[in-house]
Amino acid sequence: MRRKERAVTDAAQIAEILSRCETLSVAFGGGAPYVVPMHFGFREEGGRFCLYLHCAGEGEKLRRMRDDPRAAFAAVARQDVRPAPVACRYTTAYESVCGEGVLSFAEGEEKREGLTRLMAQLAPGRAFEWNEEALTAVTVLRLDVREINGKRSA
């Protein structure tokens, strides 16, 4: 990272930024660049992050994932444009998280956990019960994060 003074390296601070993000843009491999904004949930344990995503059981995302399970991601929690008298002096106050990792399918109890974390991200404080038919119909992806970087500008 070029601007080291803006780096957020503490896992708890990165988790706090992620907790305020509504979507995560995921770049799938498998050929030409393919980026999709997705709802997500996450967990952090000992500085290691795991992201959960959901999608249909078929389609371009899964085709690309099967070809190449590597993925990159980016999320922005806050972005405030700061005007200036001259165009090149405009700036932005922001908080963001970027990283990369490897995708796999969440199965069994982990699928339920992934959906629970995803819904906690979308609707904090609400509890949800999972219908087995609905669980069968949805695909939950697990993104094991290998590298993660937070960045903040006041």
C-alpha atoms as a PDB file:
ATOM      1  CA  MET A   1       0.000   0.000   0.000  1.00  0.00           C
ATOM      2  CA  ARG A   2       1.504   3.279  -1.103  1.00  0.00           C
ATOM      3  CA  ARG A   3      -0.087   5.473   1.605  1.00  0.00           C
ATOM      4  CA  LYS A   4       0.968   3.499   4.680  1.00  0.00           C
ATOM      5  CA  GLU A   5      -0.493   6.112   7.045  1.00  0.00           C
ATOM      6  CA  ARG A   6      -3.966   5.137   5.779  1.00  0.00           C
ATOM      7  CA  ALA A   7      -3.530   1.400   6.347  1.00  0.00           C
ATOM      8  CA  VAL A   8      -5.828  -0.386   8.774  1.00  0.00           C
ATOM      9  CA  THR A   9      -4.064  -3.573   9.862  1.00  0.00           C
ATOM     10  CA  ASP A  10      -5.828  -4.483  13.110  1.00  0.00           C
ATOM     11  CA  ALA A  11      -8.256  -7.366  12.478  1.00  0.00           C
ATOM     12  CA  ALA A  12     -10.856  -5.934  14.889  1.00  0.00           C
ATOM     13  CA  GLN A  13     -10.840  -2.599  13.046  1.00  0.00           C
ATOM     14  CA  ILE A  14     -11.101  -4.350   9.674  1.00  0.00           C
ATOM     15  CA  ALA A  15     -14.048  -6.372  11.024  1.00  0.00           C
ATOM     16  CA  GLU A  16     -15.683  -3.167  12.245  1.00  0.00           C
ATOM     17  CA  ILE A  17     -15.347  -1.588   8.797  1.00  0.00           C
ATOM     18  CA  LEU A  18     -16.749  -4.729   7.141  1.00  0.00           C
ATOM     19  CA  SER A  19     -19.680  -4.771   9.567  1.00  0.00           C
ATOM     20  CA  ARG A  20     -20.798  -1.418   8.144  1.00  0.00           C
ATOM     21  CA  CYS A  21     -20.544  -2.460   4.484  1.00  0.00           C
ATOM     22  CA  GLU A  22     -23.766  -3.285   2.657  1.00  0.00           C
ATOM     23  CA  THR A  23     -22.253  -5.102  -0.314  1.00  0.00           C
ATOM     24  CA  LEU A  24     -19.003  -6.637  -1.352  1.00  0.00           C
ATOM     25  CA  SER A  25     -17.818  -6.549  -4.969  1.00  0.00           C
ATOM     26  CA  VAL A  26     -16.342  -9.924  -5.851  1.00  0.00           C
ATOM     27  CA  ALA A  27     -14.003 -10.434  -8.806  1.00  0.00           C
ATOM     28  CA  PHE A  28     -14.236 -13.998 -10.066  1.00  0.00           C
ATOM     29  CA  GLY A  29     -11.466 -15.679 -12.053  1.00  0.00           C
ATOM     30  CA  GLY A  30     -11.947 -18.017 -14.986  1.00  0.00           C
ATOM     31  CA  GLY A  31     -11.131 -15.755 -17.935  1.00  0.00           C
ATOM     32  CA  ALA A  32     -11.834 -12.074 -18.545  1.00  0.00           C
ATOM     33  CA  PRO A  33     -12.490  -9.951 -15.432  1.00  0.00           C
ATOM     34  CA  TYR A  34     -15.969 -10.528 -13.979  1.00  0.00           C
ATOM     35  CA  VAL A  35     -16.992  -8.427 -10.958  1.00  0.00           C
ATOM     36  CA  VAL A  36     -20.324  -8.776  -9.173  1.00  0.00           C
ATOM     37  CA  PRO A  37     -21.623  -6.792  -6.167  1.00  0.00           C
ATOM     38  CA  MET A  38     -22.997  -9.286  -3.628  1.00  0.00           C
ATOM     39  CA  HIS A  39     -24.518  -9.334  -0.176  1.00  0.00           C
ATOM     40  CA  PHE A  40     -22.233 -11.047   2.296  1.00  0.00           C
ATOM     41  CA  GLY A  41     -21.638 -12.097   5.859  1.00  0.00           C
ATOM     42  CA  PHE A  42     -18.334 -12.794   7.566  1.00  0.00           C
ATOM     43  CA  ARG A  43     -16.563 -14.173  10.568  1.00  0.00           C
ATOM     44  CA  GLU A  44     -13.161 -13.363  11.961  1.00  0.00           C
ATOM     45  CA  GLU A  45     -11.213 -15.633  14.265  1.00  0.00           C
ATOM     46  CA  GLY A  46      -7.681 -14.844  15.339  1.00  0.00           C
ATOM     47  CA  GLY A  47      -7.154 -12.403  12.496  1.00  0.00           C
ATOM     48  CA  ARG A  48      -8.368 -14.862   9.841  1.00  0.00           C
ATOM     49  CA  PHE A  49     -11.443 -13.853   7.844  1.00  0.00           C
ATOM     50  CA  CYS A  50     -14.021 -16.024   6.123  1.00  0.00           C
ATOM     51  CA  LEU A  51     -16.677 -14.381   3.921  1.00  0.00           C
ATOM     52  CA  TYR A  52     -20.014 -15.974   3.038  1.00  0.00           C
ATOM     53  CA  LEU A  53     -21.891 -15.210  -0.186  1.00  0.00           C
ATOM     54  CA  HIS A  54     -25.071 -16.660  -1.622  1.00  0.00           C
ATOM     55  CA  CYS A  55     -26.286 -17.246  -5.143  1.00  0.00           C
ATOM     56  CA  ALA A  56     -28.358 -19.529  -7.336  1.00  0.00           C
ATOM     57  CA  GLY A  57     -27.193 -23.086  -7.954  1.00  0.00           C
ATOM     58  CA  GLU A  58     -26.041 -22.344 -11.486  1.00  0.00           C
ATOM     59  CA  GLY A  59     -24.737 -19.469 -13.549  1.00  0.00           C
ATOM     60  CA  GLU A  60     -21.656 -17.497 -14.495  1.00  0.00           C
ATOM     61  CA  LYS A  61     -20.293 -17.063 -10.968  1.00  0.00           C
ATOM     62  CA  LEU A  62     -20.259 -20.797 -10.328  1.00  0.00           C
ATOM     63  CA  ARG A  63     -18.887 -21.623 -13.777  1.00  0.00           C
ATOM     64  CA  ARG A  64     -15.970 -19.269 -13.165  1.00  0.00           C
ATOM     65  CA  MET A  65     -15.464 -20.514  -9.616  1.00  0.00           C
ATOM     66  CA  ARG A  66     -15.170 -24.089 -10.864  1.00  0.00           C
ATOM     67  CA  ASP A  67     -12.622 -22.997 -13.501  1.00  0.00           C
ATOM     68  CA  ASP A  68     -10.594 -20.946 -11.025  1.00  0.00           C
ATOM     69  CA  PRO A  69     -11.565 -20.766  -7.328  1.00  0.00           C
ATOM     70  CA  ARG A  70      -9.452 -17.663  -6.672  1.00  0.00           C
ATOM     71  CA  ALA A  71     -11.343 -14.405  -6.083  1.00  0.00           C
ATOM     72  CA  ALA A  72     -10.650 -10.830  -5.067  1.00  0.00           C
ATOM     73  CA  PHE A  73     -13.030  -8.495  -3.252  1.00  0.00           C
ATOM     74  CA  ALA A  74     -13.557  -4.885  -2.251  1.00  0.00           C
ATOM     75  CA  ALA A  75     -16.064  -3.163   0.033  1.00  0.00           C
ATOM     76  CA  VAL A  76     -16.571   0.493   0.933  1.00  0.00           C
ATOM     77  CA  ALA A  77     -18.137   1.428   4.268  1.00  0.00           C
ATOM     78  CA  ARG A  78     -18.022   5.210   3.941  1.00  0.00           C
ATOM     79  CA  GLN A  79     -17.305   7.588   1.133  1.00  0.00           C
ATOM     80  CA  ASP A  80     -17.672  11.363   1.532  1.00  0.00           C
ATOM     81  CA  VAL A  81     -16.508  13.587  -1.306  1.00  0.00           C
ATOM     82  CA  ARG A  82     -14.623  16.644  -0.060  1.00  0.00           C
ATOM     83  CA  PRO A  83     -14.906  19.481  -2.639  1.00  0.00           C
ATOM     84  CA  ALA A  84     -12.109  21.938  -3.342  1.00  0.00           C
ATOM     85  CA  PRO A  85     -11.799  25.066  -5.504  1.00  0.00           C
ATOM     86  CA  VAL A  86      -9.723  23.151  -8.069  1.00  0.00           C
ATOM     87  CA  ALA A  87     -10.773  19.793  -9.578  1.00  0.00           C
ATOM     88  CA  CYS A  88      -7.487  18.029  -8.870  1.00  0.00           C
ATOM     89  CA  ARG A  89      -7.701  19.031  -5.178  1.00  0.00           C
ATOM     90  CA  TYR A  90     -10.996  17.190  -4.555  1.00  0.00           C
ATOM     91  CA  THR A  91     -10.550  14.315  -2.148  1.00  0.00           C
ATOM     92  CA  THR A  92     -12.637  11.656  -0.445  1.00  0.00           C
ATOM     93  CA  ALA A  93     -12.950  10.552   3.154  1.00  0.00           C
ATOM     94  CA  TYR A  94     -13.470   6.782   3.134  1.00  0.00           C
ATOM     95  CA  GLU A  95     -13.078   3.428   4.803  1.00  0.00           C
ATOM     96  CA  SER A  96     -12.605   0.339   2.679  1.00  0.00           C
ATOM     97  CA  VAL A  97     -11.478  -3.269   2.793  1.00  0.00           C
ATOM     98  CA  CYS A  98      -9.913  -5.226  -0.075  1.00  0.00           C
ATOM     99  CA  GLY A  99      -8.440  -8.669  -0.316  1.00  0.00           C
ATOM    100  CA  GLU A 100      -8.203 -11.995  -2.034  1.00  0.00           C
ATOM    101  CA  GLY A 101      -8.800 -15.624  -1.256  1.00  0.00           C
ATOM    102  CA  VAL A 102     -10.142 -18.960  -2.411  1.00  0.00           C
ATOM    103  CA  LEU A 103     -13.795 -19.878  -2.942  1.00  0.00           C
ATOM    104  CA  SER A 104     -15.458 -23.156  -2.005  1.00  0.00           C
ATOM    105  CA  PHE A 105     -18.991 -24.377  -1.343  1.00  0.00           C
ATOM    106  CA  ALA A 106     -20.344 -24.163   2.206  1.00  0.00           C
ATOM    107  CA  GLU A 107     -22.217 -27.361   3.008  1.00  0.00           C
ATOM    108  CA  GLY A 108     -24.210 -28.767   5.900  1.00  0.00           C
ATOM    109  CA  GLU A 109     -24.147 -26.786   9.125  1.00  0.00           C
ATOM    110  CA  GLU A 110     -21.663 -24.299   7.673  1.00  0.00           C
ATOM    111  CA  LYS A 111     -24.209 -23.398   4.984  1.00  0.00           C
ATOM    112  CA  ARG A 112     -26.666 -22.481   7.730  1.00  0.00           C
ATOM    113  CA  GLU A 113     -23.971 -20.518   9.572  1.00  0.00           C
ATOM    114  CA  GLY A 114     -23.064 -18.655   6.383  1.00  0.00           C
ATOM    115  CA  LEU A 115     -26.678 -17.628   5.763  1.00  0.00           C
ATOM    116  CA  THR A 116     -27.070 -16.623   9.403  1.00  0.00           C
ATOM    117  CA  ARG A 117     -24.007 -14.370   9.173  1.00  0.00           C
ATOM    118  CA  LEU A 118     -25.204 -12.949   5.860  1.00  0.00           C
ATOM    119  CA  MET A 119     -28.600 -12.058   7.338  1.00  0.00           C
ATOM    120  CA  ALA A 120     -26.917 -10.579  10.439  1.00  0.00           C
ATOM    121  CA  GLN A 121     -25.073  -8.255   8.062  1.00  0.00           C
ATOM    122  CA  LEU A 122     -28.316  -7.251   6.286  1.00  0.00           C
ATOM    123  CA  ALA A 123     -30.624  -7.151   9.304  1.00  0.00           C
ATOM    124  CA  PRO A 124     -28.592  -6.772  12.527  1.00  0.00           C
ATOM    125  CA  GLY A 125     -30.330  -7.942  15.677  1.00  0.00           C
ATOM    126  CA  ARG A 126     -32.959 -10.091  13.922  1.00  0.00           C
ATOM    127  CA  ALA A 127     -33.072 -13.849  14.365  1.00  0.00           C
ATOM    128  CA  PHE A 128     -33.983 -16.100  11.455  1.00  0.00           C
ATOM    129  CA  GLU A 129     -35.051 -19.721  11.187  1.00  0.00           C
ATOM    130  CA  TRP A 130     -34.121 -21.713   8.131  1.00  0.00           C
ATOM    131  CA  ASN A 131     -36.613 -23.765   6.165  1.00  0.00           C
ATOM    132  CA  GLU A 132     -34.909 -26.944   4.883  1.00  0.00           C
ATOM    133  CA  GLU A 133     -36.455 -26.464   1.427  1.00  0.00           C
ATOM    134  CA  ALA A 134     -35.020 -22.951   1.195  1.00  0.00           C
ATOM    135  CA  LEU A 135     -31.623 -24.175   2.428  1.00  0.00           C
ATOM    136  CA  THR A 136     -31.574 -26.792  -0.302  1.00  0.00           C
ATOM    137  CA  ALA A 137     -32.451 -24.237  -2.995  1.00  0.00           C
ATOM    138  CA  VAL A 138     -29.720 -21.690  -2.211  1.00  0.00           C
ATOM    139  CA  THR A 139     -26.001 -22.021  -2.824  1.00  0.00           C
ATOM    140  CA  VAL A 140     -23.665 -20.591  -0.190  1.00  0.00           C
ATOM    141  CA  LEU A 141     -20.085 -19.824  -1.087  1.00  0.00           C
ATOM    142  CA  ARG A 142     -17.252 -19.569   1.398  1.00  0.00           C
ATOM    143  CA  LEU A 143     -14.360 -17.254   0.615  1.00  0.00           C
ATOM    144  CA  ASP A 144     -11.338 -18.121   2.744  1.00  0.00           C
ATOM    145  CA  VAL A 145      -9.419 -14.860   2.828  1.00  0.00           C
ATOM    146  CA  ARG A 146      -5.665 -15.183   2.282  1.00  0.00           C
ATOM    147  CA  GLU A 147      -4.899 -11.465   2.211  1.00  0.00           C
ATOM    148  CA  ILE A 148      -6.932  -8.553   3.559  1.00  0.00           C
ATOM    149  CA  ASN A 149      -6.197  -4.834   3.744  1.00  0.00           C
ATOM    150  CA  GLY A 150      -8.149  -2.038   5.317  1.00  0.00           C
ATOM    151  CA  LYS A 151      -7.724   1.597   4.370  1.00  0.00           C
ATOM    152  CA  ARG A 152      -9.034   4.796   5.927  1.00  0.00           C
ATOM    153  CA  SER A 153      -8.848   8.474   5.041  1.00  0.00           C
ATOM    154  CA  ALA A 154     -10.409  11.037   7.393  1.00  0.00           C
END
